[in-house]
Amino acid sequence: IELSVNGAVKQTGDLADMIWSVPEVVANLSQYYHLQPG
């Protein structure tokens, strides 16, 4: 995952660096909301 401003790299990382993974985020948020398409 990377971002540049005017061609200069400012952010670079890896999705594996997320503290909470995609499944963990969805599961955690679903404890508080009825998540729906949209």
ModelCIF file with pLDDT and N, C-alpha, C, O atoms, coordinates in Angstrom:
data_MODEL
#
_entry.id   MODEL 
#
_entity.id                         1 
_entity.type                       polymer 
_entity.pdbx_number_of_molecules   1 
#
_entity_poly.entity_id                      1 
_entity_poly.type                           'polypeptide(L)' 
_entity_poly.nstd_linkage                   no 
_entity_poly.nstd_monomer                   no 
_entity_poly.pdbx_seq_one_letter_code       IELSVNGAVKQTGDLADMIWSVPEVVANLSQYYHLQPG 
_entity_poly.pdbx_seq_one_letter_code_can   IELSVNGAVKQTGDLADMIWSVPEVVANLSQYYHLQPG 
_entity_poly.pdbx_strand_id                 A 
#
loop_
_entity_poly_seq.entity_id 
_entity_poly_seq.num 
_entity_poly_seq.mon_id 
_entity_poly_seq.hetero 
1 1  ILE n 
1 2  GLU n 
1 3  LEU n 
1 4  SER n 
1 5  VAL n 
1 6  ASN n 
1 7  GLY n 
1 8  ALA n 
1 9  VAL n 
1 10 LYS n 
1 11 GLN n 
1 12 THR n 
1 13 GLY n 
1 14 ASP n 
1 15 LEU n 
1 16 ALA n 
1 17 ASP n 
1 18 MET n 
1 19 ILE n 
1 20 TRP n 
1 21 SER n 
1 22 VAL n 
1 23 PRO n 
1 24 GLU n 
1 25 VAL n 
1 26 VAL n 
1 27 ALA n 
1 28 ASN n 
1 29 LEU n 
1 30 SER n 
1 31 GLN n 
1 32 TYR n 
1 33 TYR n 
1 34 HIS n 
1 35 LEU n 
1 36 GLN n 
1 37 PRO n 
1 38 GLY n 
#
_struct_asym.id          A 
_struct_asym.entity_id   1 
#
loop_
_ma_qa_metric.id 
_ma_qa_metric.mode 
_ma_qa_metric.name 
_ma_qa_metric.software_group_id 
_ma_qa_metric.type 
1 global pLDDT . pLDDT 
2 local  pLDDT . pLDDT 
#
_ma_qa_metric_global.metric_id      1 
_ma_qa_metric_global.metric_value   96.34 
_ma_qa_metric_global.model_id       1 
_ma_qa_metric_global.ordinal_id     1 
#
loop_
_ma_qa_metric_local.label_asym_id 
_ma_qa_metric_local.label_comp_id 
_ma_qa_metric_local.label_seq_id 
_ma_qa_metric_local.metric_id 
_ma_qa_metric_local.metric_value 
_ma_qa_metric_local.model_id 
_ma_qa_metric_local.ordinal_id 
A ILE 1  2 98.00 1 1  
A GLU 2  2 98.00 1 2  
A LEU 3  2 98.00 1 3  
A SER 4  2 98.00 1 4  
A VAL 5  2 98.00 1 5  
A ASN 6  2 98.00 1 6  
A GLY 7  2 98.00 1 7  
A ALA 8  2 98.00 1 8  
A VAL 9  2 98.00 1 9  
A LYS 10 2 98.00 1 10 
A GLN 11 2 97.00 1 11 
A THR 12 2 96.00 1 12 
A GLY 13 2 95.00 1 13 
A ASP 14 2 95.00 1 14 
A LEU 15 2 96.00 1 15 
A ALA 16 2 93.00 1 16 
A ASP 17 2 92.00 1 17 
A MET 18 2 92.00 1 18 
A ILE 19 2 91.00 1 19 
A TRP 20 2 92.00 1 20 
A SER 21 2 93.00 1 21 
A VAL 22 2 96.00 1 22 
A PRO 23 2 96.00 1 23 
A GLU 24 2 94.00 1 24 
A VAL 25 2 96.00 1 25 
A VAL 26 2 97.00 1 26 
A ALA 27 2 97.00 1 27 
A ASN 28 2 96.00 1 28 
A LEU 29 2 97.00 1 29 
A SER 30 2 98.00 1 30 
A GLN 31 2 97.00 1 31 
A TYR 32 2 97.00 1 32 
A TYR 33 2 98.00 1 33 
A HIS 34 2 98.00 1 34 
A LEU 35 2 98.00 1 35 
A GLN 36 2 98.00 1 36 
A PRO 37 2 98.00 1 37 
A GLY 38 2 98.00 1 38 
#
loop_
_atom_site.group_PDB 
_atom_site.id 
_atom_site.type_symbol 
_atom_site.label_atom_id 
_atom_site.label_alt_id 
_atom_site.label_comp_id 
_atom_site.label_asym_id 
_atom_site.label_entity_id 
_atom_site.label_seq_id 
_atom_site.pdbx_PDB_ins_code 
_atom_site.Cartn_x 
_atom_site.Cartn_y 
_atom_site.Cartn_z 
_atom_site.occupancy 
_atom_site.B_iso_or_equiv 
_atom_site.pdbx_formal_charge 
_atom_site.auth_seq_id 
_atom_site.auth_comp_id 
_atom_site.auth_asym_id 
_atom_site.auth_atom_id 
_atom_site.pdbx_PDB_model_num 
ATOM 1   N N  . ILE A 1 1  ? 0.875   -1.166  0.000  1.00 98.00 ? 1  ILE A N  1 
ATOM 2   C CA . ILE A 1 1  ? 0.000   0.000   0.000  1.00 98.00 ? 1  ILE A CA 1 
ATOM 3   C C  . ILE A 1 1  ? 0.913   1.218   0.000  1.00 98.00 ? 1  ILE A C  1 
ATOM 4   O O  . ILE A 1 1  ? 1.804   1.328   0.843  1.00 98.00 ? 1  ILE A O  1 
ATOM 5   N N  . GLU A 1 2  ? 0.695   2.140   -0.948 1.00 98.00 ? 2  GLU A N  1 
ATOM 6   C CA . GLU A 1 2  ? 1.660   3.228   -1.158 1.00 98.00 ? 2  GLU A CA 1 
ATOM 7   C C  . GLU A 1 2  ? 0.954   4.488   -1.625 1.00 98.00 ? 2  GLU A C  1 
ATOM 8   O O  . GLU A 1 2  ? -0.048  4.418   -2.336 1.00 98.00 ? 2  GLU A O  1 
ATOM 9   N N  . LEU A 1 3  ? 1.475   5.637   -1.226 1.00 98.00 ? 3  LEU A N  1 
ATOM 10  C CA . LEU A 1 3  ? 0.943   6.929   -1.653 1.00 98.00 ? 3  LEU A CA 1 
ATOM 11  C C  . LEU A 1 3  ? 2.099   7.866   -1.980 1.00 98.00 ? 3  LEU A C  1 
ATOM 12  O O  . LEU A 1 3  ? 3.128   7.871   -1.305 1.00 98.00 ? 3  LEU A O  1 
ATOM 13  N N  . SER A 1 4  ? 1.902   8.668   -3.043 1.00 98.00 ? 4  SER A N  1 
ATOM 14  C CA . SER A 1 4  ? 2.881   9.671   -3.452 1.00 98.00 ? 4  SER A CA 1 
ATOM 15  C C  . SER A 1 4  ? 2.192   11.019  -3.602 1.00 98.00 ? 4  SER A C  1 
ATOM 16  O O  . SER A 1 4  ? 1.002   11.095  -3.909 1.00 98.00 ? 4  SER A O  1 
ATOM 17  N N  . VAL A 1 5  ? 2.953   12.070  -3.380 1.00 98.00 ? 5  VAL A N  1 
ATOM 18  C CA . VAL A 1 5  ? 2.497   13.434  -3.616 1.00 98.00 ? 5  VAL A CA 1 
ATOM 19  C C  . VAL A 1 5  ? 3.457   14.071  -4.618 1.00 98.00 ? 5  VAL A C  1 
ATOM 20  O O  . VAL A 1 5  ? 4.657   14.177  -4.366 1.00 98.00 ? 5  VAL A O  1 
ATOM 21  N N  . ASN A 1 6  ? 2.913   14.488  -5.748 1.00 98.00 ? 6  ASN A N  1 
ATOM 22  C CA . ASN A 1 6  ? 3.721   15.073  -6.822 1.00 98.00 ? 6  ASN A CA 1 
ATOM 23  C C  . ASN A 1 6  ? 4.888   14.166  -7.205 1.00 98.00 ? 6  ASN A C  1 
ATOM 24  O O  . ASN A 1 6  ? 5.990   14.637  -7.487 1.00 98.00 ? 6  ASN A O  1 
ATOM 25  N N  . GLY A 1 7  ? 4.628   12.845  -7.210 1.00 98.00 ? 7  GLY A N  1 
ATOM 26  C CA . GLY A 1 7  ? 5.616   11.873  -7.626 1.00 98.00 ? 7  GLY A CA 1 
ATOM 27  C C  . GLY A 1 7  ? 6.566   11.399  -6.553 1.00 98.00 ? 7  GLY A C  1 
ATOM 28  O O  . GLY A 1 7  ? 7.326   10.461  -6.789 1.00 98.00 ? 7  GLY A O  1 
ATOM 29  N N  . ALA A 1 8  ? 6.554   12.011  -5.378 1.00 98.00 ? 8  ALA A N  1 
ATOM 30  C CA . ALA A 1 8  ? 7.444   11.610  -4.284 1.00 98.00 ? 8  ALA A CA 1 
ATOM 31  C C  . ALA A 1 8  ? 6.688   10.702  -3.320 1.00 98.00 ? 8  ALA A C  1 
ATOM 32  O O  . ALA A 1 8  ? 5.621   11.070  -2.828 1.00 98.00 ? 8  ALA A O  1 
ATOM 33  N N  . VAL A 1 9  ? 7.233   9.523   -3.052 1.00 98.00 ? 9  VAL A N  1 
ATOM 34  C CA . VAL A 1 9  ? 6.580   8.562   -2.154 1.00 98.00 ? 9  VAL A CA 1 
ATOM 35  C C  . VAL A 1 9  ? 6.558   9.109   -0.729 1.00 98.00 ? 9  VAL A C  1 
ATOM 36  O O  . VAL A 1 9  ? 7.591   9.501   -0.184 1.00 98.00 ? 9  VAL A O  1 
ATOM 37  N N  . LYS A 1 10 ? 5.371   9.129   -0.139 1.00 98.00 ? 10 LYS A N  1 
ATOM 38  C CA . LYS A 1 10 ? 5.196   9.622   1.231  1.00 98.00 ? 10 LYS A CA 1 
ATOM 39  C C  . LYS A 1 10 ? 4.769   8.523   2.198  1.00 98.00 ? 10 LYS A C  1 
ATOM 40  O O  . LYS A 1 10 ? 5.163   8.534   3.365  1.00 98.00 ? 10 LYS A O  1 
ATOM 41  N N  . GLN A 1 11 ? 3.972   7.581   1.722  1.00 97.00 ? 11 GLN A N  1 
ATOM 42  C CA . GLN A 1 11 ? 3.520   6.470   2.548  1.00 97.00 ? 11 GLN A CA 1 
ATOM 43  C C  . GLN A 1 11 ? 3.830   5.165   1.839  1.00 97.00 ? 11 GLN A C  1 
ATOM 44  O O  . GLN A 1 11 ? 3.577   5.040   0.641  1.00 97.00 ? 11 GLN A O  1 
ATOM 45  N N  . THR A 1 12 ? 4.362   4.212   2.540  1.00 96.00 ? 12 THR A N  1 
ATOM 46  C CA . THR A 1 12 ? 4.548   2.871   1.991  1.00 96.00 ? 12 THR A CA 1 
ATOM 47  C C  . THR A 1 12 ? 4.445   1.873   3.137  1.00 96.00 ? 12 THR A C  1 
ATOM 48  O O  . THR A 1 12 ? 5.020   2.075   4.206  1.00 96.00 ? 12 THR A O  1 
ATOM 49  N N  . GLY A 1 13 ? 3.718   0.811   2.902  1.00 95.00 ? 13 GLY A N  1 
ATOM 50  C CA . GLY A 1 13 ? 3.510   -0.193  3.927  1.00 95.00 ? 13 GLY A CA 1 
ATOM 51  C C  . GLY A 1 13 ? 2.995   -1.465  3.302  1.00 95.00 ? 13 GLY A C  1 
ATOM 52  O O  . GLY A 1 13 ? 3.010   -1.621  2.081  1.00 95.00 ? 13 GLY A O  1 
ATOM 53  N N  . ASP A 1 14 ? 2.543   -2.365  4.133  1.00 95.00 ? 14 ASP A N  1 
ATOM 54  C CA . ASP A 1 14 ? 2.002   -3.642  3.679  1.00 95.00 ? 14 ASP A CA 1 
ATOM 55  C C  . ASP A 1 14 ? 0.704   -3.904  4.429  1.00 95.00 ? 14 ASP A C  1 
ATOM 56  O O  . ASP A 1 14 ? 0.603   -3.624  5.623  1.00 95.00 ? 14 ASP A O  1 
ATOM 57  N N  . LEU A 1 15 ? -0.289  -4.442  3.724  1.00 96.00 ? 15 LEU A N  1 
ATOM 58  C CA . LEU A 1 15 ? -1.557  -4.744  4.387  1.00 96.00 ? 15 LEU A CA 1 
ATOM 59  C C  . LEU A 1 15 ? -1.367  -5.715  5.549  1.00 96.00 ? 15 LEU A C  1 
ATOM 60  O O  . LEU A 1 15 ? -2.174  -5.748  6.478  1.00 96.00 ? 15 LEU A O  1 
ATOM 61  N N  . ALA A 1 16 ? -0.291  -6.505  5.490  1.00 93.00 ? 16 ALA A N  1 
ATOM 62  C CA . ALA A 1 16 ? -0.005  -7.415  6.598  1.00 93.00 ? 16 ALA A CA 1 
ATOM 63  C C  . ALA A 1 16 ? 0.364   -6.668  7.875  1.00 93.00 ? 16 ALA A C  1 
ATOM 64  O O  . ALA A 1 16 ? 0.372   -7.254  8.958  1.00 93.00 ? 16 ALA A O  1 
ATOM 65  N N  . ASP A 1 17 ? 0.671   -5.364  7.752  1.00 92.00 ? 17 ASP A N  1 
ATOM 66  C CA . ASP A 1 17 ? 1.033   -4.564  8.924  1.00 92.00 ? 17 ASP A CA 1 
ATOM 67  C C  . ASP A 1 17 ? -0.187  -4.081  9.707  1.00 92.00 ? 17 ASP A C  1 
ATOM 68  O O  . ASP A 1 17 ? -0.038  -3.505  10.785 1.00 92.00 ? 17 ASP A O  1 
ATOM 69  N N  . MET A 1 18 ? -1.381  -4.308  9.182  1.00 92.00 ? 18 MET A N  1 
ATOM 70  C CA . MET A 1 18 ? -2.567  -3.867  9.914  1.00 92.00 ? 18 MET A CA 1 
ATOM 71  C C  . MET A 1 18 ? -2.651  -4.577  11.259 1.00 92.00 ? 18 MET A C  1 
ATOM 72  O O  . MET A 1 18 ? -2.457  -5.790  11.343 1.00 92.00 ? 18 MET A O  1 
ATOM 73  N N  . ILE A 1 19 ? -2.940  -3.813  12.312 1.00 91.00 ? 19 ILE A N  1 
ATOM 74  C CA . ILE A 1 19 ? -3.096  -4.398  13.644 1.00 91.00 ? 19 ILE A CA 1 
ATOM 75  C C  . ILE A 1 19 ? -4.293  -5.345  13.641 1.00 91.00 ? 19 ILE A C  1 
ATOM 76  O O  . ILE A 1 19 ? -4.231  -6.445  14.190 1.00 91.00 ? 19 ILE A O  1 
ATOM 77  N N  . TRP A 1 20 ? -5.378  -4.903  13.018 1.00 92.00 ? 20 TRP A N  1 
ATOM 78  C CA . TRP A 1 20 ? -6.593  -5.702  12.892 1.00 92.00 ? 20 TRP A CA 1 
ATOM 79  C C  . TRP A 1 20 ? -6.802  -6.012  11.413 1.00 92.00 ? 20 TRP A C  1 
ATOM 80  O O  . TRP A 1 20 ? -6.918  -5.097  10.597 1.00 92.00 ? 20 TRP A O  1 
ATOM 81  N N  . SER A 1 21 ? -6.850  -7.301  11.064 1.00 93.00 ? 21 SER A N  1 
ATOM 82  C CA . SER A 1 21 ? -7.001  -7.737  9.678  1.00 93.00 ? 21 SER A CA 1 
ATOM 83  C C  . SER A 1 21 ? -8.412  -7.444  9.167  1.00 93.00 ? 21 SER A C  1 
ATOM 84  O O  . SER A 1 21 ? -9.297  -7.051  9.927  1.00 93.00 ? 21 SER A O  1 
ATOM 85  N N  . VAL A 1 22 ? -8.597  -7.643  7.869  1.00 96.00 ? 22 VAL A N  1 
ATOM 86  C CA . VAL A 1 22 ? -9.926  -7.433  7.276  1.00 96.00 ? 22 VAL A CA 1 
ATOM 87  C C  . VAL A 1 22 ? -10.991 -8.266  7.986  1.00 96.00 ? 22 VAL A C  1 
ATOM 88  O O  . VAL A 1 22 ? -11.997 -7.697  8.411  1.00 96.00 ? 22 VAL A O  1 
ATOM 89  N N  . PRO A 1 23 ? -10.827 -9.582  8.138  1.00 96.00 ? 23 PRO A N  1 
ATOM 90  C CA . PRO A 1 23 ? -11.875 -10.349 8.831  1.00 96.00 ? 23 PRO A CA 1 
ATOM 91  C C  . PRO A 1 23 ? -12.099 -9.896  10.270 1.00 96.00 ? 23 PRO A C  1 
ATOM 92  O O  . PRO A 1 23 ? -13.232 -9.894  10.753 1.00 96.00 ? 23 PRO A O  1 
ATOM 93  N N  . GLU A 1 24 ? -11.024 -9.513  10.955 1.00 94.00 ? 24 GLU A N  1 
ATOM 94  C CA . GLU A 1 24 ? -11.166 -9.072  12.347 1.00 94.00 ? 24 GLU A CA 1 
ATOM 95  C C  . GLU A 1 24 ? -11.910 -7.745  12.443 1.00 94.00 ? 24 GLU A C  1 
ATOM 96  O O  . GLU A 1 24 ? -12.713 -7.550  13.355 1.00 94.00 ? 24 GLU A O  1 
ATOM 97  N N  . VAL A 1 25 ? -11.651 -6.830  11.509 1.00 96.00 ? 25 VAL A N  1 
ATOM 98  C CA . VAL A 1 25 ? -12.366 -5.550  11.504 1.00 96.00 ? 25 VAL A CA 1 
ATOM 99  C C  . VAL A 1 25 ? -13.851 -5.771  11.269 1.00 96.00 ? 25 VAL A C  1 
ATOM 100 O O  . VAL A 1 25 ? -14.685 -5.229  11.994 1.00 96.00 ? 25 VAL A O  1 
ATOM 101 N N  . VAL A 1 26 ? -14.185 -6.569  10.251 1.00 97.00 ? 26 VAL A N  1 
ATOM 102 C CA . VAL A 1 26 ? -15.603 -6.825  9.946  1.00 97.00 ? 26 VAL A CA 1 
ATOM 103 C C  . VAL A 1 26 ? -16.281 -7.504  11.133 1.00 97.00 ? 26 VAL A C  1 
ATOM 104 O O  . VAL A 1 26 ? -17.387 -7.125  11.519 1.00 97.00 ? 26 VAL A O  1 
ATOM 105 N N  . ALA A 1 27 ? -15.620 -8.505  11.710 1.00 97.00 ? 27 ALA A N  1 
ATOM 106 C CA . ALA A 1 27 ? -16.214 -9.220  12.835 1.00 97.00 ? 27 ALA A CA 1 
ATOM 107 C C  . ALA A 1 27 ? -16.425 -8.300  14.031 1.00 97.00 ? 27 ALA A C  1 
ATOM 108 O O  . ALA A 1 27 ? -17.470 -8.347  14.680 1.00 97.00 ? 27 ALA A O  1 
ATOM 109 N N  . ASN A 1 28 ? -15.421 -7.455  14.324 1.00 96.00 ? 28 ASN A N  1 
ATOM 110 C CA . ASN A 1 28 ? -15.549 -6.562  15.473 1.00 96.00 ? 28 ASN A CA 1 
ATOM 111 C C  . ASN A 1 28 ? -16.662 -5.544  15.261 1.00 96.00 ? 28 ASN A C  1 
ATOM 112 O O  . ASN A 1 28 ? -17.475 -5.326  16.159 1.00 96.00 ? 28 ASN A O  1 
ATOM 113 N N  . LEU A 1 29 ? -16.710 -4.921  14.091 1.00 97.00 ? 29 LEU A N  1 
ATOM 114 C CA . LEU A 1 29 ? -17.740 -3.914  13.833 1.00 97.00 ? 29 LEU A CA 1 
ATOM 115 C C  . LEU A 1 29 ? -19.133 -4.531  13.870 1.00 97.00 ? 29 LEU A C  1 
ATOM 116 O O  . LEU A 1 29 ? -20.105 -3.879  14.252 1.00 97.00 ? 29 LEU A O  1 
ATOM 117 N N  . SER A 1 30 ? -19.215 -5.801  13.464 1.00 98.00 ? 30 SER A N  1 
ATOM 118 C CA . SER A 1 30 ? -20.523 -6.466  13.450 1.00 98.00 ? 30 SER A CA 1 
ATOM 119 C C  . SER A 1 30 ? -21.047 -6.769  14.848 1.00 98.00 ? 30 SER A C  1 
ATOM 120 O O  . SER A 1 30 ? -22.204 -7.164  14.995 1.00 98.00 ? 30 SER A O  1 
ATOM 121 N N  . GLN A 1 31 ? -20.230 -6.595  15.865 1.00 97.00 ? 31 GLN A N  1 
ATOM 122 C CA . GLN A 1 31 ? -20.716 -6.754  17.242 1.00 97.00 ? 31 GLN A CA 1 
ATOM 123 C C  . GLN A 1 31 ? -21.561 -5.555  17.668 1.00 97.00 ? 31 GLN A C  1 
ATOM 124 O O  . GLN A 1 31 ? -22.296 -5.631  18.653 1.00 97.00 ? 31 GLN A O  1 
ATOM 125 N N  . TYR A 1 32 ? -21.459 -4.454  16.933 1.00 97.00 ? 32 TYR A N  1 
ATOM 126 C CA . TYR A 1 32 ? -22.120 -3.198  17.313 1.00 97.00 ? 32 TYR A CA 1 
ATOM 127 C C  . TYR A 1 32 ? -23.138 -2.711  16.288 1.00 97.00 ? 32 TYR A C  1 
ATOM 128 O O  . TYR A 1 32 ? -23.987 -1.878  16.604 1.00 97.00 ? 32 TYR A O  1 
ATOM 129 N N  . TYR A 1 33 ? -23.059 -3.223  15.068 1.00 98.00 ? 33 TYR A N  1 
ATOM 130 C CA . TYR A 1 33 ? -23.949 -2.796  13.988 1.00 98.00 ? 33 TYR A CA 1 
ATOM 131 C C  . TYR A 1 33 ? -24.432 -4.011  13.201 1.00 98.00 ? 33 TYR A C  1 
ATOM 132 O O  . TYR A 1 33 ? -23.735 -5.020  13.094 1.00 98.00 ? 33 TYR A O  1 
ATOM 133 N N  . HIS A 1 34 ? -25.637 -3.892  12.656 1.00 98.00 ? 34 HIS A N  1 
ATOM 134 C CA . HIS A 1 34 ? -26.107 -4.856  11.665 1.00 98.00 ? 34 HIS A CA 1 
ATOM 135 C C  . HIS A 1 34 ? -25.533 -4.407  10.312 1.00 98.00 ? 34 HIS A C  1 
ATOM 136 O O  . HIS A 1 34 ? -26.156 -3.619  9.601  1.00 98.00 ? 34 HIS A O  1 
ATOM 137 N N  . LEU A 1 35 ? -24.353 -4.909  9.966  1.00 98.00 ? 35 LEU A N  1 
ATOM 138 C CA . LEU A 1 35 ? -23.740 -4.518  8.702  1.00 98.00 ? 35 LEU A CA 1 
ATOM 139 C C  . LEU A 1 35 ? -24.563 -5.060  7.542  1.00 98.00 ? 35 LEU A C  1 
ATOM 140 O O  . LEU A 1 35 ? -25.119 -6.156  7.608  1.00 98.00 ? 35 LEU A O  1 
ATOM 141 N N  . GLN A 1 36 ? -24.628 -4.259  6.467  1.00 98.00 ? 36 GLN A N  1 
ATOM 142 C CA . GLN A 1 36 ? -25.463 -4.584  5.325  1.00 98.00 ? 36 GLN A CA 1 
ATOM 143 C C  . GLN A 1 36 ? -24.737 -4.237  4.029  1.00 98.00 ? 36 GLN A C  1 
ATOM 144 O O  . GLN A 1 36 ? -23.814 -3.423  4.044  1.00 98.00 ? 36 GLN A O  1 
ATOM 145 N N  . PRO A 1 37 ? -25.135 -4.839  2.909  1.00 98.00 ? 37 PRO A N  1 
ATOM 146 C CA . PRO A 1 37 ? -24.623 -4.364  1.623  1.00 98.00 ? 37 PRO A CA 1 
ATOM 147 C C  . PRO A 1 37 ? -24.861 -2.854  1.508  1.00 98.00 ? 37 PRO A C  1 
ATOM 148 O O  . PRO A 1 37 ? -25.946 -2.362  1.819  1.00 98.00 ? 37 PRO A O  1 
ATOM 149 N N  . GLY A 1 38 ? -23.854 -2.146  1.067  1.00 98.00 ? 38 GLY A N  1 
ATOM 150 C CA . GLY A 1 38 ? -23.914 -0.691  1.040  1.00 98.00 ? 38 GLY A CA 1 
ATOM 151 C C  . GLY A 1 38 ? -23.034 -0.045  2.089  1.00 98.00 ? 38 GLY A C  1 
ATOM 152 O O  . GLY A 1 38 ? -22.985 1.181   2.183  1.00 98.00 ? 38 GLY A O  1 
#
